Amino acid sequence: MRKRVMVGMIILVFSGMAVAENRPERIMDIPVFNTTSIDLTRFNKDLAAAVKANEAWVSDPVSIALWLAEEFEGKEQHIIQVNNVADGPDKARVIILRDGYLDDSIRGERFEINLELSKKGDWMVKDAKKAWRCWEERRPGFTSDFCP
């Protein structure tokens, strides 16, 4: 009886490994090796003008992050928002993961955008970083290094 249980456990372990190896890679699990900072000078001026004009999209951290990341032209886009608290957040981090570009060297991009609510109640971008994903056979993960 003990041998059967042990053999059954070994088979389950090996079959689980085979399933994990054949599972498609999830874009959110791809490592980030380094990033480059995005210059926010012009962006924050444009954002302040949009706030002054009472444009609706400026009240949502995800909408602000998507405006910073600009138009998406690829196969897949994932957006992750993490707030500092559930009710009435005053800080938010938005991560935008993009994949499937029709480019011969860059496969996708990753943006990490940190926002804070000002004393006036307006969201402002405090920090933004960007990295590229090269085609797999050239360089793994997201990086700010040149894609060959």
Protein backbone atom coordinates (compact mmCIF):
# COMPACT_ATOMS: atom_id res chain seq x y z
CA MET A 1 0.00 0.00 0.00
CA ARG A 2 2.78 2.39 0.90
CA LYS A 3 4.57 1.80 -2.42
CA ARG A 4 1.40 2.59 -4.41
CA VAL A 5 0.89 5.87 -2.57
CA MET A 6 4.54 6.86 -3.12
CA VAL A 7 4.43 5.96 -6.84
CA GLY A 8 1.16 7.89 -7.20
CA MET A 9 2.72 10.95 -5.58
CA ILE A 10 5.75 10.80 -7.88
CA ILE A 11 3.52 10.56 -10.96
CA LEU A 12 1.48 13.56 -9.78
CA VAL A 13 4.62 15.62 -9.21
CA PHE A 14 6.02 14.84 -12.67
CA SER A 15 2.69 15.38 -14.43
CA GLY A 16 2.33 18.74 -12.65
CA MET A 17 5.78 19.77 -13.87
CA ALA A 18 4.88 18.88 -17.44
CA VAL A 19 1.72 21.00 -17.28
CA ALA A 20 3.67 23.96 -15.85
CA GLU A 21 6.29 23.74 -18.60
CA ASN A 22 3.66 23.73 -21.37
CA ARG A 23 1.66 26.61 -19.88
CA PRO A 24 1.97 29.86 -21.86
CA GLU A 25 4.11 32.55 -20.26
CA ARG A 26 2.09 35.24 -18.46
CA ILE A 27 3.23 38.75 -19.30
CA MET A 28 2.98 39.85 -15.66
CA ASP A 29 5.50 37.16 -14.66
CA ILE A 30 8.21 38.34 -17.06
CA PRO A 31 11.17 39.76 -15.12
CA VAL A 32 12.15 43.44 -15.27
CA PHE A 33 15.93 43.87 -15.43
CA ASN A 34 16.10 47.67 -15.62
CA THR A 35 13.99 50.68 -16.56
CA THR A 36 14.42 54.22 -17.79
CA SER A 37 12.72 57.27 -16.29
CA ILE A 38 10.20 59.16 -18.40
CA ASP A 39 10.60 62.94 -18.48
CA LEU A 40 7.35 64.28 -17.06
CA THR A 41 7.89 68.02 -17.61
CA ARG A 42 5.65 68.39 -20.66
CA PHE A 43 3.21 65.72 -19.51
CA ASN A 44 2.50 67.32 -16.13
CA LYS A 45 1.96 70.71 -17.83
CA ASP A 46 -0.58 69.10 -20.17
CA LEU A 47 -2.17 67.28 -17.23
CA ALA A 48 -2.46 70.53 -15.25
CA ALA A 49 -4.15 72.18 -18.27
CA ALA A 50 -6.60 69.26 -18.52
CA VAL A 51 -7.36 69.57 -14.79
CA LYS A 52 -7.99 73.29 -15.21
CA ALA A 53 -10.33 72.55 -18.14
CA ASN A 54 -12.24 70.06 -15.91
CA GLU A 55 -11.69 67.15 -18.29
CA ALA A 56 -13.24 64.00 -16.81
CA TRP A 57 -10.36 61.58 -17.49
CA VAL A 58 -8.00 63.40 -15.09
CA SER A 59 -9.88 62.03 -12.06
CA ASP A 60 -8.87 58.43 -12.82
CA PRO A 61 -5.29 57.15 -12.33
CA VAL A 62 -5.67 54.49 -15.05
CA SER A 63 -6.88 57.05 -17.61
CA ILE A 64 -3.95 59.32 -16.75
CA ALA A 65 -1.48 56.43 -17.08
CA LEU A 66 -2.93 55.39 -20.45
CA TRP A 67 -2.65 58.96 -21.68
CA LEU A 68 1.03 58.99 -20.66
CA ALA A 69 1.68 55.62 -22.31
CA GLU A 70 -0.01 56.85 -25.51
CA GLU A 71 -1.90 54.81 -28.09
CA PHE A 72 -1.59 51.04 -27.99
CA GLU A 73 -0.82 49.19 -31.20
CA GLY A 74 -0.25 45.57 -30.34
CA LYS A 75 -1.93 42.28 -29.59
CA GLU A 76 -2.23 42.30 -25.79
CA GLN A 77 -2.44 44.95 -23.05
CA HIS A 78 -2.76 44.41 -19.30
CA ILE A 79 -3.40 47.18 -16.80
CA ILE A 80 -2.80 46.74 -13.08
CA GLN A 81 -3.74 49.42 -10.54
CA VAL A 82 -2.58 49.20 -6.94
CA ASN A 83 -3.87 51.80 -4.47
CA ASN A 84 -2.35 52.54 -1.06
CA VAL A 85 -5.77 51.93 0.57
CA ALA A 86 -9.11 50.60 -0.64
CA ASP A 87 -11.29 53.53 0.42
CA GLY A 88 -10.20 57.01 -0.63
CA PRO A 89 -6.68 56.33 -1.90
CA ASP A 90 -4.22 59.20 -2.19
CA LYS A 91 -1.48 57.16 -3.92
CA ALA A 92 -1.74 54.77 -6.83
CA ARG A 93 0.64 52.74 -8.96
CA VAL A 94 -0.47 51.78 -12.46
CA ILE A 95 1.46 49.16 -14.40
CA ILE A 96 0.75 48.81 -18.12
CA LEU A 97 2.06 45.71 -19.86
CA ARG A 98 1.98 45.56 -23.65
CA ASP A 99 2.91 42.73 -25.97
CA GLY A 100 2.63 41.66 -29.57
CA TYR A 101 4.05 44.68 -31.38
CA LEU A 102 4.56 44.30 -35.10
CA ASP A 103 8.16 45.43 -34.80
CA ASP A 104 11.27 43.51 -35.77
CA SER A 105 13.13 44.24 -32.53
CA ILE A 106 10.70 45.44 -29.82
CA ARG A 107 8.04 42.94 -28.80
CA GLY A 108 6.35 45.02 -26.09
CA GLU A 109 6.60 47.67 -23.39
CA ARG A 110 6.12 48.01 -19.66
CA PHE A 111 5.16 51.25 -17.95
CA GLU A 112 5.15 51.80 -14.19
CA ILE A 113 3.46 55.06 -13.22
CA ASN A 114 3.19 56.38 -9.65
CA LEU A 115 0.53 58.97 -8.92
CA GLU A 116 -0.38 61.03 -5.87
CA LEU A 117 -3.46 63.02 -5.05
CA SER A 118 -2.60 66.70 -4.50
CA LYS A 119 -3.99 68.78 -1.65
CA LYS A 120 -6.45 70.22 -4.19
CA GLY A 121 -7.68 66.69 -4.93
CA ASP A 122 -6.06 66.31 -8.37
CA TRP A 123 -4.04 63.27 -9.42
CA MET A 124 -0.47 64.11 -10.44
CA VAL A 125 2.19 61.81 -11.87
CA LYS A 126 5.14 61.71 -9.47
CA ASP A 127 7.29 59.13 -11.22
CA ALA A 128 7.11 57.10 -14.42
CA LYS A 129 9.40 54.40 -15.77
CA LYS A 130 9.49 52.47 -19.00
CA ALA A 131 11.13 49.28 -20.25
CA TRP A 132 10.98 47.34 -23.51
CA ARG A 133 10.62 43.67 -24.19
CA CYS A 134 12.81 42.44 -27.01
CA TRP A 135 11.91 39.40 -29.02
CA GLU A 136 12.70 36.34 -26.86
CA GLU A 137 15.56 34.91 -28.86
CA ARG A 138 17.39 38.24 -28.60
CA ARG A 139 17.04 39.19 -24.92
CA PRO A 140 14.71 37.88 -22.16
CA GLY A 141 12.58 40.07 -19.90
CA PHE A 142 11.87 43.80 -19.85
CA THR A 143 14.87 46.10 -20.10
CA SER A 144 15.84 49.67 -20.95
CA ASP A 145 18.76 48.33 -22.99
CA PHE A 146 18.72 48.62 -26.77
CA CYS A 147 16.89 45.78 -28.53
CA PRO A 148 19.09 44.39 -31.32
